[in-house]
Amino acid sequence: MNLVQLLKRLKPTPIADLTLPRYLFGSFRRKSISFYNGLTDENTIVYWFQSKSFSIDLRLSDGNRTALHERQGWIGDTIWDSQTALLSWEIQQSYQNHIQWPEPAKLYPIGNSILEFAPSNAYVEDWRQQANKGLFFGLRLFQMQCLKTEQVFAVDGGLVITDQHIAYAQSRFPQIQQQINQYATLAEVNDLKSEIESYEVSITLNGSIICWSTKSNQIGQTILLDHFELLKDQTITQLKMIGDDKYLLYFKLDVYQPDFVFDHISACSDSGQQWLAQEQNHLLKHAKTII
């Protein structure tokens, strides 16, 4: 069945038991990152998709021309510490073979943006919500089976849909990751191009055509939303061709809300709202929504 047929067979998941603040859910474009040394980057392509319990992240310094060894993409469990109000991630595998963003995040929602501060003050990132209202759907990939050999093995990955935007992540096969792990950084790997690139993070914006990806051959392709099956234990499978072989991918449902409203307005005190209303002729004269 395709995704539309699958969703008809699913019940919406509870939304009252969220462990993350609601403003974190959605798809976010990084508008800028500013560093402690006074430098600011507004050009690197960075997107963050947040499901109920996991994140998908893609970072391309030169867009789809980014060199093989410089691409960044990962999927990880999202951990919220309510006492310290810090967000962190548990990442089992990523495109890179070392952790490039080790600090947790201190987050402040302002309107349709989230400001992310590193506790060390090394940087602050400005994220802009892309999703408005619509489907909020997350699947977490946990294993695959090669139908030719019947071998079953653990992998990491996931699918997140927020409104009209889609992110898909799929880790390397275990034997390939073992090869990559022999090196401290990807810059040291010279003869494993296809193996490096087999870690996929792909995203679509306003449709199903992949516009940004860690895999060069995925650009311009349609993201696969067919061949799903719902098993009795609520596990969801998807049949997919990888190379020359057919694989069965196994997912767990993370979130399904058919008509979710993503946050574009943050909390503000009554006095703050009154101040803005009073001074709006000056403050809002040139103001507009920027995503």
C-alpha atoms as a PDB file:
ATOM      1  CA  MET A   1       0.000   0.000   0.000  1.00  0.00           C
ATOM      2  CA  ASN A   2       1.065   3.617  -0.426  1.00  0.00           C
ATOM      3  CA  LEU A   3       1.357   6.181   2.355  1.00  0.00           C
ATOM      4  CA  VAL A   4      -2.208   7.467   1.964  1.00  0.00           C
ATOM      5  CA  GLN A   5      -3.576   3.940   2.325  1.00  0.00           C
ATOM      6  CA  LEU A   6      -1.306   3.273   5.305  1.00  0.00           C
ATOM      7  CA  LEU A   7      -2.460   6.373   7.154  1.00  0.00           C
ATOM      8  CA  LYS A   8      -6.091   5.303   6.777  1.00  0.00           C
ATOM      9  CA  ARG A   9      -5.271   2.194   8.809  1.00  0.00           C
ATOM     10  CA  LEU A  10      -3.493   4.047  11.611  1.00  0.00           C
ATOM     11  CA  LYS A  11      -4.990   5.701  14.673  1.00  0.00           C
ATOM     12  CA  PRO A  12      -3.578   9.096  15.689  1.00  0.00           C
ATOM     13  CA  THR A  13      -1.003   8.778  18.445  1.00  0.00           C
ATOM     14  CA  PRO A  14      -1.479  10.564  21.805  1.00  0.00           C
ATOM     15  CA  ILE A  15      -0.164  14.109  21.829  1.00  0.00           C
ATOM     16  CA  ALA A  16      -0.755  14.874  25.511  1.00  0.00           C
ATOM     17  CA  ASP A  17       2.205  12.748  26.686  1.00  0.00           C
ATOM     18  CA  LEU A  18       4.902  14.690  24.847  1.00  0.00           C
ATOM     19  CA  THR A  19       8.286  14.806  26.558  1.00  0.00           C
ATOM     20  CA  LEU A  20       9.603  17.593  24.298  1.00  0.00           C
ATOM     21  CA  PRO A  21       8.263  21.158  24.242  1.00  0.00           C
ATOM     22  CA  ARG A  22       5.660  21.479  21.494  1.00  0.00           C
ATOM     23  CA  TYR A  23       7.530  24.316  19.765  1.00  0.00           C
ATOM     24  CA  LEU A  24      10.301  21.872  18.791  1.00  0.00           C
ATOM     25  CA  PHE A  25       8.116  19.823  16.458  1.00  0.00           C
ATOM     26  CA  GLY A  26       8.332  20.472  12.755  1.00  0.00           C
ATOM     27  CA  SER A  27      10.921  21.134  10.066  1.00  0.00           C
ATOM     28  CA  PHE A  28      13.429  23.927  10.556  1.00  0.00           C
ATOM     29  CA  ARG A  29      15.821  25.732   8.227  1.00  0.00           C
ATOM     30  CA  ARG A  30      18.895  27.258   9.785  1.00  0.00           C
ATOM     31  CA  LYS A  31      18.942  30.935   8.888  1.00  0.00           C
ATOM     32  CA  SER A  32      22.345  31.595  10.444  1.00  0.00           C
ATOM     33  CA  ILE A  33      24.992  30.514  12.909  1.00  0.00           C
ATOM     34  CA  SER A  34      27.073  33.121  14.755  1.00  0.00           C
ATOM     35  CA  PHE A  35      30.288  32.226  16.543  1.00  0.00           C
ATOM     36  CA  TYR A  36      32.009  33.695  19.596  1.00  0.00           C
ATOM     37  CA  ASN A  37      34.773  35.114  17.350  1.00  0.00           C
ATOM     38  CA  GLY A  38      32.374  37.449  15.555  1.00  0.00           C
ATOM     39  CA  LEU A  39      31.933  35.376  12.381  1.00  0.00           C
ATOM     40  CA  THR A  40      28.502  34.440  11.009  1.00  0.00           C
ATOM     41  CA  ASP A  41      27.508  31.856   8.384  1.00  0.00           C
ATOM     42  CA  GLU A  42      24.258  32.436   6.486  1.00  0.00           C
ATOM     43  CA  ASN A  43      25.016  30.220   3.482  1.00  0.00           C
ATOM     44  CA  THR A  44      25.415  26.616   4.634  1.00  0.00           C
ATOM     45  CA  ILE A  45      22.336  24.498   3.853  1.00  0.00           C
ATOM     46  CA  VAL A  46      21.066  23.093   7.162  1.00  0.00           C
ATOM     47  CA  TYR A  47      17.727  21.458   7.945  1.00  0.00           C
ATOM     48  CA  TRP A  48      16.445  19.882  11.160  1.00  0.00           C
ATOM     49  CA  PHE A  49      13.321  17.692  11.251  1.00  0.00           C
ATOM     50  CA  GLN A  50      11.896  16.869  14.661  1.00  0.00           C
ATOM     51  CA  SER A  51       9.601  13.912  15.269  1.00  0.00           C
ATOM     52  CA  LYS A  52       8.162  12.976  18.663  1.00  0.00           C
ATOM     53  CA  SER A  53      11.292  11.193  19.915  1.00  0.00           C
ATOM     54  CA  PHE A  54      14.008  11.582  17.273  1.00  0.00           C
ATOM     55  CA  SER A  55      15.699  14.165  15.049  1.00  0.00           C
ATOM     56  CA  ILE A  56      16.951  14.065  11.463  1.00  0.00           C
ATOM     57  CA  ASP A  57      19.648  16.605  10.575  1.00  0.00           C
ATOM     58  CA  LEU A  58      21.271  17.518   7.238  1.00  0.00           C
ATOM     59  CA  ARG A  59      24.159  19.964   6.750  1.00  0.00           C
ATOM     60  CA  LEU A  60      25.736  20.775   3.360  1.00  0.00           C
ATOM     61  CA  SER A  61      28.331  23.568   3.362  1.00  0.00           C
ATOM     62  CA  ASP A  62      28.221  23.969  -0.419  1.00  0.00           C
ATOM     63  CA  GLY A  63      24.733  22.650  -1.111  1.00  0.00           C
ATOM     64  CA  ASN A  64      24.603  19.617  -3.385  1.00  0.00           C
ATOM     65  CA  ARG A  65      28.156  20.415  -4.538  1.00  0.00           C
ATOM     66  CA  THR A  66      29.504  19.682  -1.052  1.00  0.00           C
ATOM     67  CA  ALA A  67      32.555  17.423  -1.173  1.00  0.00           C
ATOM     68  CA  LEU A  68      31.956  13.807  -0.233  1.00  0.00           C
ATOM     69  CA  HIS A  69      34.032  13.989   2.962  1.00  0.00           C
ATOM     70  CA  GLU A  70      32.446  17.258   4.159  1.00  0.00           C
ATOM     71  CA  ARG A  71      28.771  16.298   4.155  1.00  0.00           C
ATOM     72  CA  GLN A  72      26.939  15.938   7.449  1.00  0.00           C
ATOM     73  CA  GLY A  73      23.759  14.053   8.205  1.00  0.00           C
ATOM     74  CA  TRP A  74      22.436  12.052  11.109  1.00  0.00           C
ATOM     75  CA  ILE A  75      19.483  10.645  12.991  1.00  0.00           C
ATOM     76  CA  GLY A  76      19.361  10.417  16.766  1.00  0.00           C
ATOM     77  CA  ASP A  77      17.162  10.060  19.824  1.00  0.00           C
ATOM     78  CA  THR A  78      16.144  13.474  21.156  1.00  0.00           C
ATOM     79  CA  ILE A  79      16.651  13.914  24.902  1.00  0.00           C
ATOM     80  CA  TRP A  80      15.004  16.768  26.804  1.00  0.00           C
ATOM     81  CA  ASP A  81      16.206  17.601  30.323  1.00  0.00           C
ATOM     82  CA  SER A  82      13.304  19.493  31.869  1.00  0.00           C
ATOM     83  CA  GLN A  83      15.346  20.570  34.922  1.00  0.00           C
ATOM     84  CA  THR A  84      18.096  22.270  32.916  1.00  0.00           C
ATOM     85  CA  ALA A  85      15.957  22.934  29.810  1.00  0.00           C
ATOM     86  CA  LEU A  86      18.745  21.457  27.670  1.00  0.00           C
ATOM     87  CA  LEU A  87      18.253  19.428  24.506  1.00  0.00           C
ATOM     88  CA  SER A  88      20.730  16.722  23.532  1.00  0.00           C
ATOM     89  CA  TRP A  89      20.932  13.836  21.089  1.00  0.00           C
ATOM     90  CA  GLU A  90      21.998  10.201  21.295  1.00  0.00           C
ATOM     91  CA  ILE A  91      23.450   9.305  17.906  1.00  0.00           C
ATOM     92  CA  GLN A  92      24.413   5.710  17.159  1.00  0.00           C
ATOM     93  CA  GLN A  93      25.589   6.311  13.593  1.00  0.00           C
ATOM     94  CA  SER A  94      25.952   9.381  11.403  1.00  0.00           C
ATOM     95  CA  TYR A  95      27.307  10.222   7.957  1.00  0.00           C
ATOM     96  CA  GLN A  96      30.518  11.407   9.613  1.00  0.00           C
ATOM     97  CA  ASN A  97      32.327   8.942  11.840  1.00  0.00           C
ATOM     98  CA  HIS A  98      32.964  11.357  14.682  1.00  0.00           C
ATOM     99  CA  ILE A  99      30.646  13.616  16.669  1.00  0.00           C
ATOM    100  CA  GLN A 100      30.910  17.143  15.279  1.00  0.00           C
ATOM    101  CA  TRP A 101      28.300  18.794  17.536  1.00  0.00           C
ATOM    102  CA  PRO A 102      28.994  17.461  21.062  1.00  0.00           C
ATOM    103  CA  GLU A 103      27.275  20.169  23.122  1.00  0.00           C
ATOM    104  CA  PRO A 104      23.661  20.095  24.277  1.00  0.00           C
ATOM    105  CA  ALA A 105      21.447  22.998  23.275  1.00  0.00           C
ATOM    106  CA  LYS A 106      19.786  25.800  25.214  1.00  0.00           C
ATOM    107  CA  LEU A 107      16.714  26.760  23.194  1.00  0.00           C
ATOM    108  CA  TYR A 108      14.562  29.876  23.162  1.00  0.00           C
ATOM    109  CA  PRO A 109      11.463  30.094  20.926  1.00  0.00           C
ATOM    110  CA  ILE A 110      10.759  33.564  19.514  1.00  0.00           C
ATOM    111  CA  GLY A 111       7.847  33.709  17.060  1.00  0.00           C
ATOM    112  CA  ASN A 112       8.536  31.277  14.220  1.00  0.00           C
ATOM    113  CA  SER A 113      12.204  30.936  15.149  1.00  0.00           C
ATOM    114  CA  ILE A 114      14.167  28.913  17.684  1.00  0.00           C
ATOM    115  CA  LEU A 115      17.428  30.350  18.940  1.00  0.00           C
ATOM    116  CA  GLU A 116      19.868  27.604  19.913  1.00  0.00           C
ATOM    117  CA  PHE A 117      22.702  28.592  22.249  1.00  0.00           C
ATOM    118  CA  ALA A 118      25.700  26.402  22.989  1.00  0.00           C
ATOM    119  CA  PRO A 119      26.266  26.379  26.774  1.00  0.00           C
ATOM    120  CA  SER A 120      29.955  27.133  26.096  1.00  0.00           C
ATOM    121  CA  ASN A 121      28.917  30.291  24.189  1.00  0.00           C
ATOM    122  CA  ALA A 122      30.779  28.929  21.154  1.00  0.00           C
ATOM    123  CA  TYR A 123      27.824  29.669  18.855  1.00  0.00           C
ATOM    124  CA  VAL A 124      24.155  30.538  18.489  1.00  0.00           C
ATOM    125  CA  GLU A 125      21.981  29.153  15.684  1.00  0.00           C
ATOM    126  CA  ASP A 126      18.802  30.778  14.346  1.00  0.00           C
ATOM    127  CA  TRP A 127      16.275  28.179  13.158  1.00  0.00           C
ATOM    128  CA  ARG A 128      13.070  29.000  11.230  1.00  0.00           C
ATOM    129  CA  GLN A 129       9.950  26.822  11.237  1.00  0.00           C
ATOM    130  CA  GLN A 130       9.003  25.643   7.743  1.00  0.00           C
ATOM    131  CA  ALA A 131       5.839  23.662   8.501  1.00  0.00           C
ATOM    132  CA  ASN A 132       2.445  25.273   9.040  1.00  0.00           C
ATOM    133  CA  LYS A 133      -0.473  22.898   9.437  1.00  0.00           C
ATOM    134  CA  GLY A 134      -1.079  19.362   8.250  1.00  0.00           C
ATOM    135  CA  LEU A 135       0.362  15.870   8.530  1.00  0.00           C
ATOM    136  CA  PHE A 136       2.833  15.188  11.350  1.00  0.00           C
ATOM    137  CA  PHE A 137       4.166  11.677  10.852  1.00  0.00           C
ATOM    138  CA  GLY A 138       7.275   9.892  12.075  1.00  0.00           C
ATOM    139  CA  LEU A 139       8.558   6.350  11.532  1.00  0.00           C
ATOM    140  CA  ARG A 140      11.759   5.013  13.148  1.00  0.00           C
ATOM    141  CA  LEU A 141      13.681   2.428  11.138  1.00  0.00           C
ATOM    142  CA  PHE A 142      15.289  -0.266  13.290  1.00  0.00           C
ATOM    143  CA  GLN A 143      16.118  -3.262  11.089  1.00  0.00           C
ATOM    144  CA  MET A 144      16.261  -4.634   7.536  1.00  0.00           C
ATOM    145  CA  GLN A 145      15.972  -8.024   5.920  1.00  0.00           C
ATOM    146  CA  CYS A 146      17.592  -8.943   2.623  1.00  0.00           C
ATOM    147  CA  LEU A 147      14.969 -11.024   0.822  1.00  0.00           C
ATOM    148  CA  LYS A 148      17.592 -12.798  -1.271  1.00  0.00           C
ATOM    149  CA  THR A 149      19.652 -14.100   1.664  1.00  0.00           C
ATOM    150  CA  GLU A 150      16.950 -13.765   4.373  1.00  0.00           C
ATOM    151  CA  GLN A 151      19.582 -12.092   6.571  1.00  0.00           C
ATOM    152  CA  VAL A 152      18.152  -9.710   9.195  1.00  0.00           C
ATOM    153  CA  PHE A 153      20.353  -6.940  10.619  1.00  0.00           C
ATOM    154  CA  ALA A 154      20.013  -3.792  12.694  1.00  0.00           C
ATOM    155  CA  VAL A 155      20.124  -0.372  11.047  1.00  0.00           C
ATOM    156  CA  ASP A 156      19.129   3.128  12.117  1.00  0.00           C
ATOM    157  CA  GLY A 157      16.990   5.583  10.224  1.00  0.00           C
ATOM    158  CA  GLY A 158      13.595   7.149   9.940  1.00  0.00           C
ATOM    159  CA  LEU A 159      10.983   9.030   7.982  1.00  0.00           C
ATOM    160  CA  VAL A 160       9.502  12.361   9.128  1.00  0.00           C
ATOM    161  CA  ILE A 161       6.731  14.270   7.355  1.00  0.00           C
ATOM    162  CA  THR A 162       5.770  17.733   8.588  1.00  0.00           C
ATOM    163  CA  ASP A 163       3.088  19.422   6.514  1.00  0.00           C
ATOM    164  CA  GLN A 164       4.507  19.287   2.953  1.00  0.00           C
ATOM    165  CA  HIS A 165       8.130  18.580   3.938  1.00  0.00           C
ATOM    166  CA  ILE A 166       9.776  15.157   4.180  1.00  0.00           C
ATOM    167  CA  ALA A 167      13.042  13.885   5.642  1.00  0.00           C
ATOM    168  CA  TYR A 168      14.404  10.367   5.278  1.00  0.00           C
ATOM    169  CA  ALA A 169      17.493   8.885   6.947  1.00  0.00           C
ATOM    170  CA  GLN A 170      19.069   5.460   6.529  1.00  0.00           C
ATOM    171  CA  SER A 171      22.380   4.369   8.047  1.00  0.00           C
ATOM    172  CA  ARG A 172      25.024   2.301   6.317  1.00  0.00           C
ATOM    173  CA  PHE A 173      24.933  -1.483   6.388  1.00  0.00           C
ATOM    174  CA  PRO A 174      26.804  -2.783   9.487  1.00  0.00           C
ATOM    175  CA  GLN A 175      29.692  -4.296   7.502  1.00  0.00           C
ATOM    176  CA  ILE A 176      30.212  -1.011   5.656  1.00  0.00           C
ATOM    177  CA  GLN A 177      30.106   1.013   8.861  1.00  0.00           C
ATOM    178  CA  GLN A 178      32.770  -1.267  10.348  1.00  0.00           C
ATOM    179  CA  GLN A 179      35.038  -0.387   7.443  1.00  0.00           C
ATOM    180  CA  ILE A 180      34.409   3.342   7.926  1.00  0.00           C
ATOM    181  CA  ASN A 181      35.014   3.106  11.681  1.00  0.00           C
ATOM    182  CA  GLN A 182      38.645   2.143  11.067  1.00  0.00           C
ATOM    183  CA  TYR A 183      39.364   5.780  10.234  1.00  0.00           C
ATOM    184  CA  ALA A 184      39.371   8.750  12.598  1.00  0.00           C
ATOM    185  CA  THR A 185      37.775  11.047  10.021  1.00  0.00           C
ATOM    186  CA  LEU A 186      36.276  10.633   6.563  1.00  0.00           C
ATOM    187  CA  ALA A 187      39.083  12.771   5.137  1.00  0.00           C
ATOM    188  CA  GLU A 188      41.372   9.759   5.670  1.00  0.00           C
ATOM    189  CA  VAL A 189      39.184   7.459   3.551  1.00  0.00           C
ATOM    190  CA  ASN A 190      40.301   7.394  -0.073  1.00  0.00           C
ATOM    191  CA  ASP A 191      38.870   4.257  -1.669  1.00  0.00           C
ATOM    192  CA  LEU A 192      35.358   3.873  -0.217  1.00  0.00           C
ATOM    193  CA  LYS A 193      33.377   6.559  -2.045  1.00  0.00           C
ATOM    194  CA  SER A 194      30.191   4.569  -2.594  1.00  0.00           C
ATOM    195  CA  GLU A 195      30.400   3.139   0.908  1.00  0.00           C
ATOM    196  CA  ILE A 196      30.685   6.610   2.478  1.00  0.00           C
ATOM    197  CA  GLU A 197      27.808   7.909   0.393  1.00  0.00           C
ATOM    198  CA  SER A 198      25.565   4.978   1.334  1.00  0.00           C
ATOM    199  CA  TYR A 199      24.595   6.854   4.509  1.00  0.00           C
ATOM    200  CA  GLU A 200      21.520   8.728   3.362  1.00  0.00           C
ATOM    201  CA  VAL A 201      19.823  11.829   4.652  1.00  0.00           C
ATOM    202  CA  SER A 202      17.463  13.256   2.026  1.00  0.00           C
ATOM    203  CA  ILE A 203      14.842  15.971   2.310  1.00  0.00           C
ATOM    204  CA  THR A 204      12.023  17.336   0.183  1.00  0.00           C
ATOM    205  CA  LEU A 205      10.386  20.733   0.478  1.00  0.00           C
ATOM    206  CA  ASN A 206       6.773  21.257  -0.604  1.00  0.00           C
ATOM    207  CA  GLY A 207       6.467  17.928  -2.359  1.00  0.00           C
ATOM    208  CA  SER A 208       8.054  14.525  -2.890  1.00  0.00           C
ATOM    209  CA  ILE A 209      11.087  15.474  -5.030  1.00  0.00           C
ATOM    210  CA  ILE A 210      14.396  15.284  -3.156  1.00  0.00           C
ATOM    211  CA  CYS A 211      16.150  18.650  -3.240  1.00  0.00           C
ATOM    212  CA  TRP A 212      18.995  18.123  -0.740  1.00  0.00           C
ATOM    213  CA  SER A 213      20.790  14.881   0.114  1.00  0.00           C
ATOM    214  CA  THR A 214      24.014  13.287   1.282  1.00  0.00           C
ATOM    215  CA  LYS A 215      23.631  10.926  -1.702  1.00  0.00           C
ATOM    216  CA  SER A 216      24.361  12.566  -5.047  1.00  0.00           C
ATOM    217  CA  ASN A 217      22.235  10.137  -7.052  1.00  0.00           C
ATOM    218  CA  GLN A 218      19.139  10.941  -4.979  1.00  0.00           C
ATOM    219  CA  ILE A 219      18.920  14.596  -6.038  1.00  0.00           C
ATOM    220  CA  GLY A 220      15.823  15.096  -8.165  1.00  0.00           C
ATOM    221  CA  GLN A 221      14.456  11.646  -7.378  1.00  0.00           C
ATOM    222  CA  THR A 222      11.049  11.019  -5.834  1.00  0.00           C
ATOM    223  CA  ILE A 223      11.154   9.929  -2.206  1.00  0.00           C
ATOM    224  CA  LEU A 224       9.692   6.437  -1.865  1.00  0.00           C
ATOM    225  CA  LEU A 225       6.270   6.437  -0.165  1.00  0.00           C
ATOM    226  CA  ASP A 226       4.948   3.134  -1.543  1.00  0.00           C
ATOM    227  CA  HIS A 227       5.075  -0.584  -0.694  1.00  0.00           C
ATOM    228  CA  PHE A 228       4.129  -0.250   2.988  1.00  0.00           C
ATOM    229  CA  GLU A 229       2.480  -2.984   5.051  1.00  0.00           C
ATOM    230  CA  LEU A 230       1.072  -2.808   8.588  1.00  0.00           C
ATOM    231  CA  LEU A 231       1.787  -5.909  10.674  1.00  0.00           C
ATOM    232  CA  LYS A 232      -0.333  -7.173  13.558  1.00  0.00           C
ATOM    233  CA  ASP A 233       2.065  -5.849  16.215  1.00  0.00           C
ATOM    234  CA  GLN A 234       1.821  -2.348  14.659  1.00  0.00           C
ATOM    235  CA  THR A 235       5.252  -2.715  13.096  1.00  0.00           C
ATOM    236  CA  ILE A 236       5.314  -1.113   9.643  1.00  0.00           C
ATOM    237  CA  THR A 237       7.345  -2.616   6.819  1.00  0.00           C
ATOM    238  CA  GLN A 238       8.387  -1.193   3.475  1.00  0.00           C
ATOM    239  CA  LEU A 239       9.722  -3.069   0.461  1.00  0.00           C
ATOM    240  CA  LYS A 240      12.635  -1.264  -1.146  1.00  0.00           C
ATOM    241  CA  MET A 241      15.284  -1.912  -3.782  1.00  0.00           C
ATOM    242  CA  ILE A 242      18.809  -1.181  -2.549  1.00  0.00           C
ATOM    243  CA  GLY A 243      21.375  -1.795  -5.227  1.00  0.00           C
ATOM    244  CA  ASP A 244      20.345  -4.961  -7.048  1.00  0.00           C
ATOM    245  CA  ASP A 245      18.528  -6.585  -4.136  1.00  0.00           C
ATOM    246  CA  LYS A 246      15.142  -6.252  -2.473  1.00  0.00           C
ATOM    247  CA  TYR A 247      15.043  -5.414   1.226  1.00  0.00           C
ATOM    248  CA  LEU A 248      12.255  -5.317   3.766  1.00  0.00           C
ATOM    249  CA  LEU A 249      12.604  -2.309   6.086  1.00  0.00           C
ATOM    250  CA  TYR A 250      11.066  -2.465   9.571  1.00  0.00           C
ATOM    251  CA  PHE A 251       9.731   0.687  11.271  1.00  0.00           C
ATOM    252  CA  LYS A 252       8.057   1.599  14.547  1.00  0.00           C
ATOM    253  CA  LEU A 253       5.449   4.360  14.561  1.00  0.00           C
ATOM    254  CA  ASP A 254       6.740   7.399  16.452  1.00  0.00           C
ATOM    255  CA  VAL A 255       3.972   9.930  15.827  1.00  0.00           C
ATOM    256  CA  TYR A 256       0.888  10.300  13.666  1.00  0.00           C
ATOM    257  CA  GLN A 257      -1.206  13.451  13.791  1.00  0.00           C
ATOM    258  CA  PRO A 258      -3.236  14.021  10.607  1.00  0.00           C
ATOM    259  CA  ASP A 259      -3.864  17.753  11.157  1.00  0.00           C
ATOM    260  CA  PHE A 260      -1.178  19.138  13.455  1.00  0.00           C
ATOM    261  CA  VAL A 261      -0.694  22.880  13.923  1.00  0.00           C
ATOM    262  CA  PHE A 262       3.015  23.722  14.105  1.00  0.00           C
ATOM    263  CA  ASP A 263       4.064  26.642  16.311  1.00  0.00           C
ATOM    264  CA  HIS A 264       4.773  30.008  14.686  1.00  0.00           C
ATOM    265  CA  ILE A 265       4.033  32.213  17.710  1.00  0.00           C
ATOM    266  CA  SER A 266       5.786  32.069  21.073  1.00  0.00           C
ATOM    267  CA  ALA A 267       4.564  32.974  24.528  1.00  0.00           C
ATOM    268  CA  CYS A 268       4.739  36.636  25.548  1.00  0.00           C
ATOM    269  CA  SER A 269       3.720  38.535  28.676  1.00  0.00           C
ATOM    270  CA  ASP A 270       0.701  40.854  28.607  1.00  0.00           C
ATOM    271  CA  SER A 271       2.971  43.850  29.085  1.00  0.00           C
ATOM    272  CA  GLY A 272       5.138  42.737  26.148  1.00  0.00           C
ATOM    273  CA  GLN A 273       2.103  42.417  23.898  1.00  0.00           C
ATOM    274  CA  GLN A 274       0.826  45.822  24.991  1.00  0.00           C
ATOM    275  CA  TRP A 275       4.227  47.382  24.277  1.00  0.00           C
ATOM    276  CA  LEU A 276       4.304  45.916  20.760  1.00  0.00           C
ATOM    277  CA  ALA A 277       0.760  47.047  20.037  1.00  0.00           C
ATOM    278  CA  GLN A 278       1.562  50.551  21.301  1.00  0.00           C
ATOM    279  CA  GLU A 279       4.764  50.881  19.264  1.00  0.00           C
ATOM    280  CA  GLN A 280       3.720  48.901  16.192  1.00  0.00           C
ATOM    281  CA  ASN A 281       3.759  51.870  13.827  1.00  0.00           C
ATOM    282  CA  HIS A 282       7.507  51.997  14.233  1.00  0.00           C
ATOM    283  CA  LEU A 283       8.385  48.397  15.165  1.00  0.00           C
ATOM    284  CA  LEU A 284       6.253  46.595  12.583  1.00  0.00           C
ATOM    285  CA  LYS A 285       6.552  49.036   9.687  1.00  0.00           C
ATOM    286  CA  HIS A 286       9.036  46.847   7.815  1.00  0.00           C
ATOM    287  CA  ALA A 287       8.453  43.571   9.707  1.00  0.00           C
ATOM    288  CA  LYS A 288       7.502  40.418   7.797  1.00  0.00           C
ATOM    289  CA  THR A 289       7.536  36.682   8.309  1.00  0.00           C
ATOM    290  CA  ILE A 290      10.863  35.143   7.307  1.00  0.00           C
ATOM    291  CA  ILE A 291      11.232  31.402   7.017  1.00  0.00           C
END
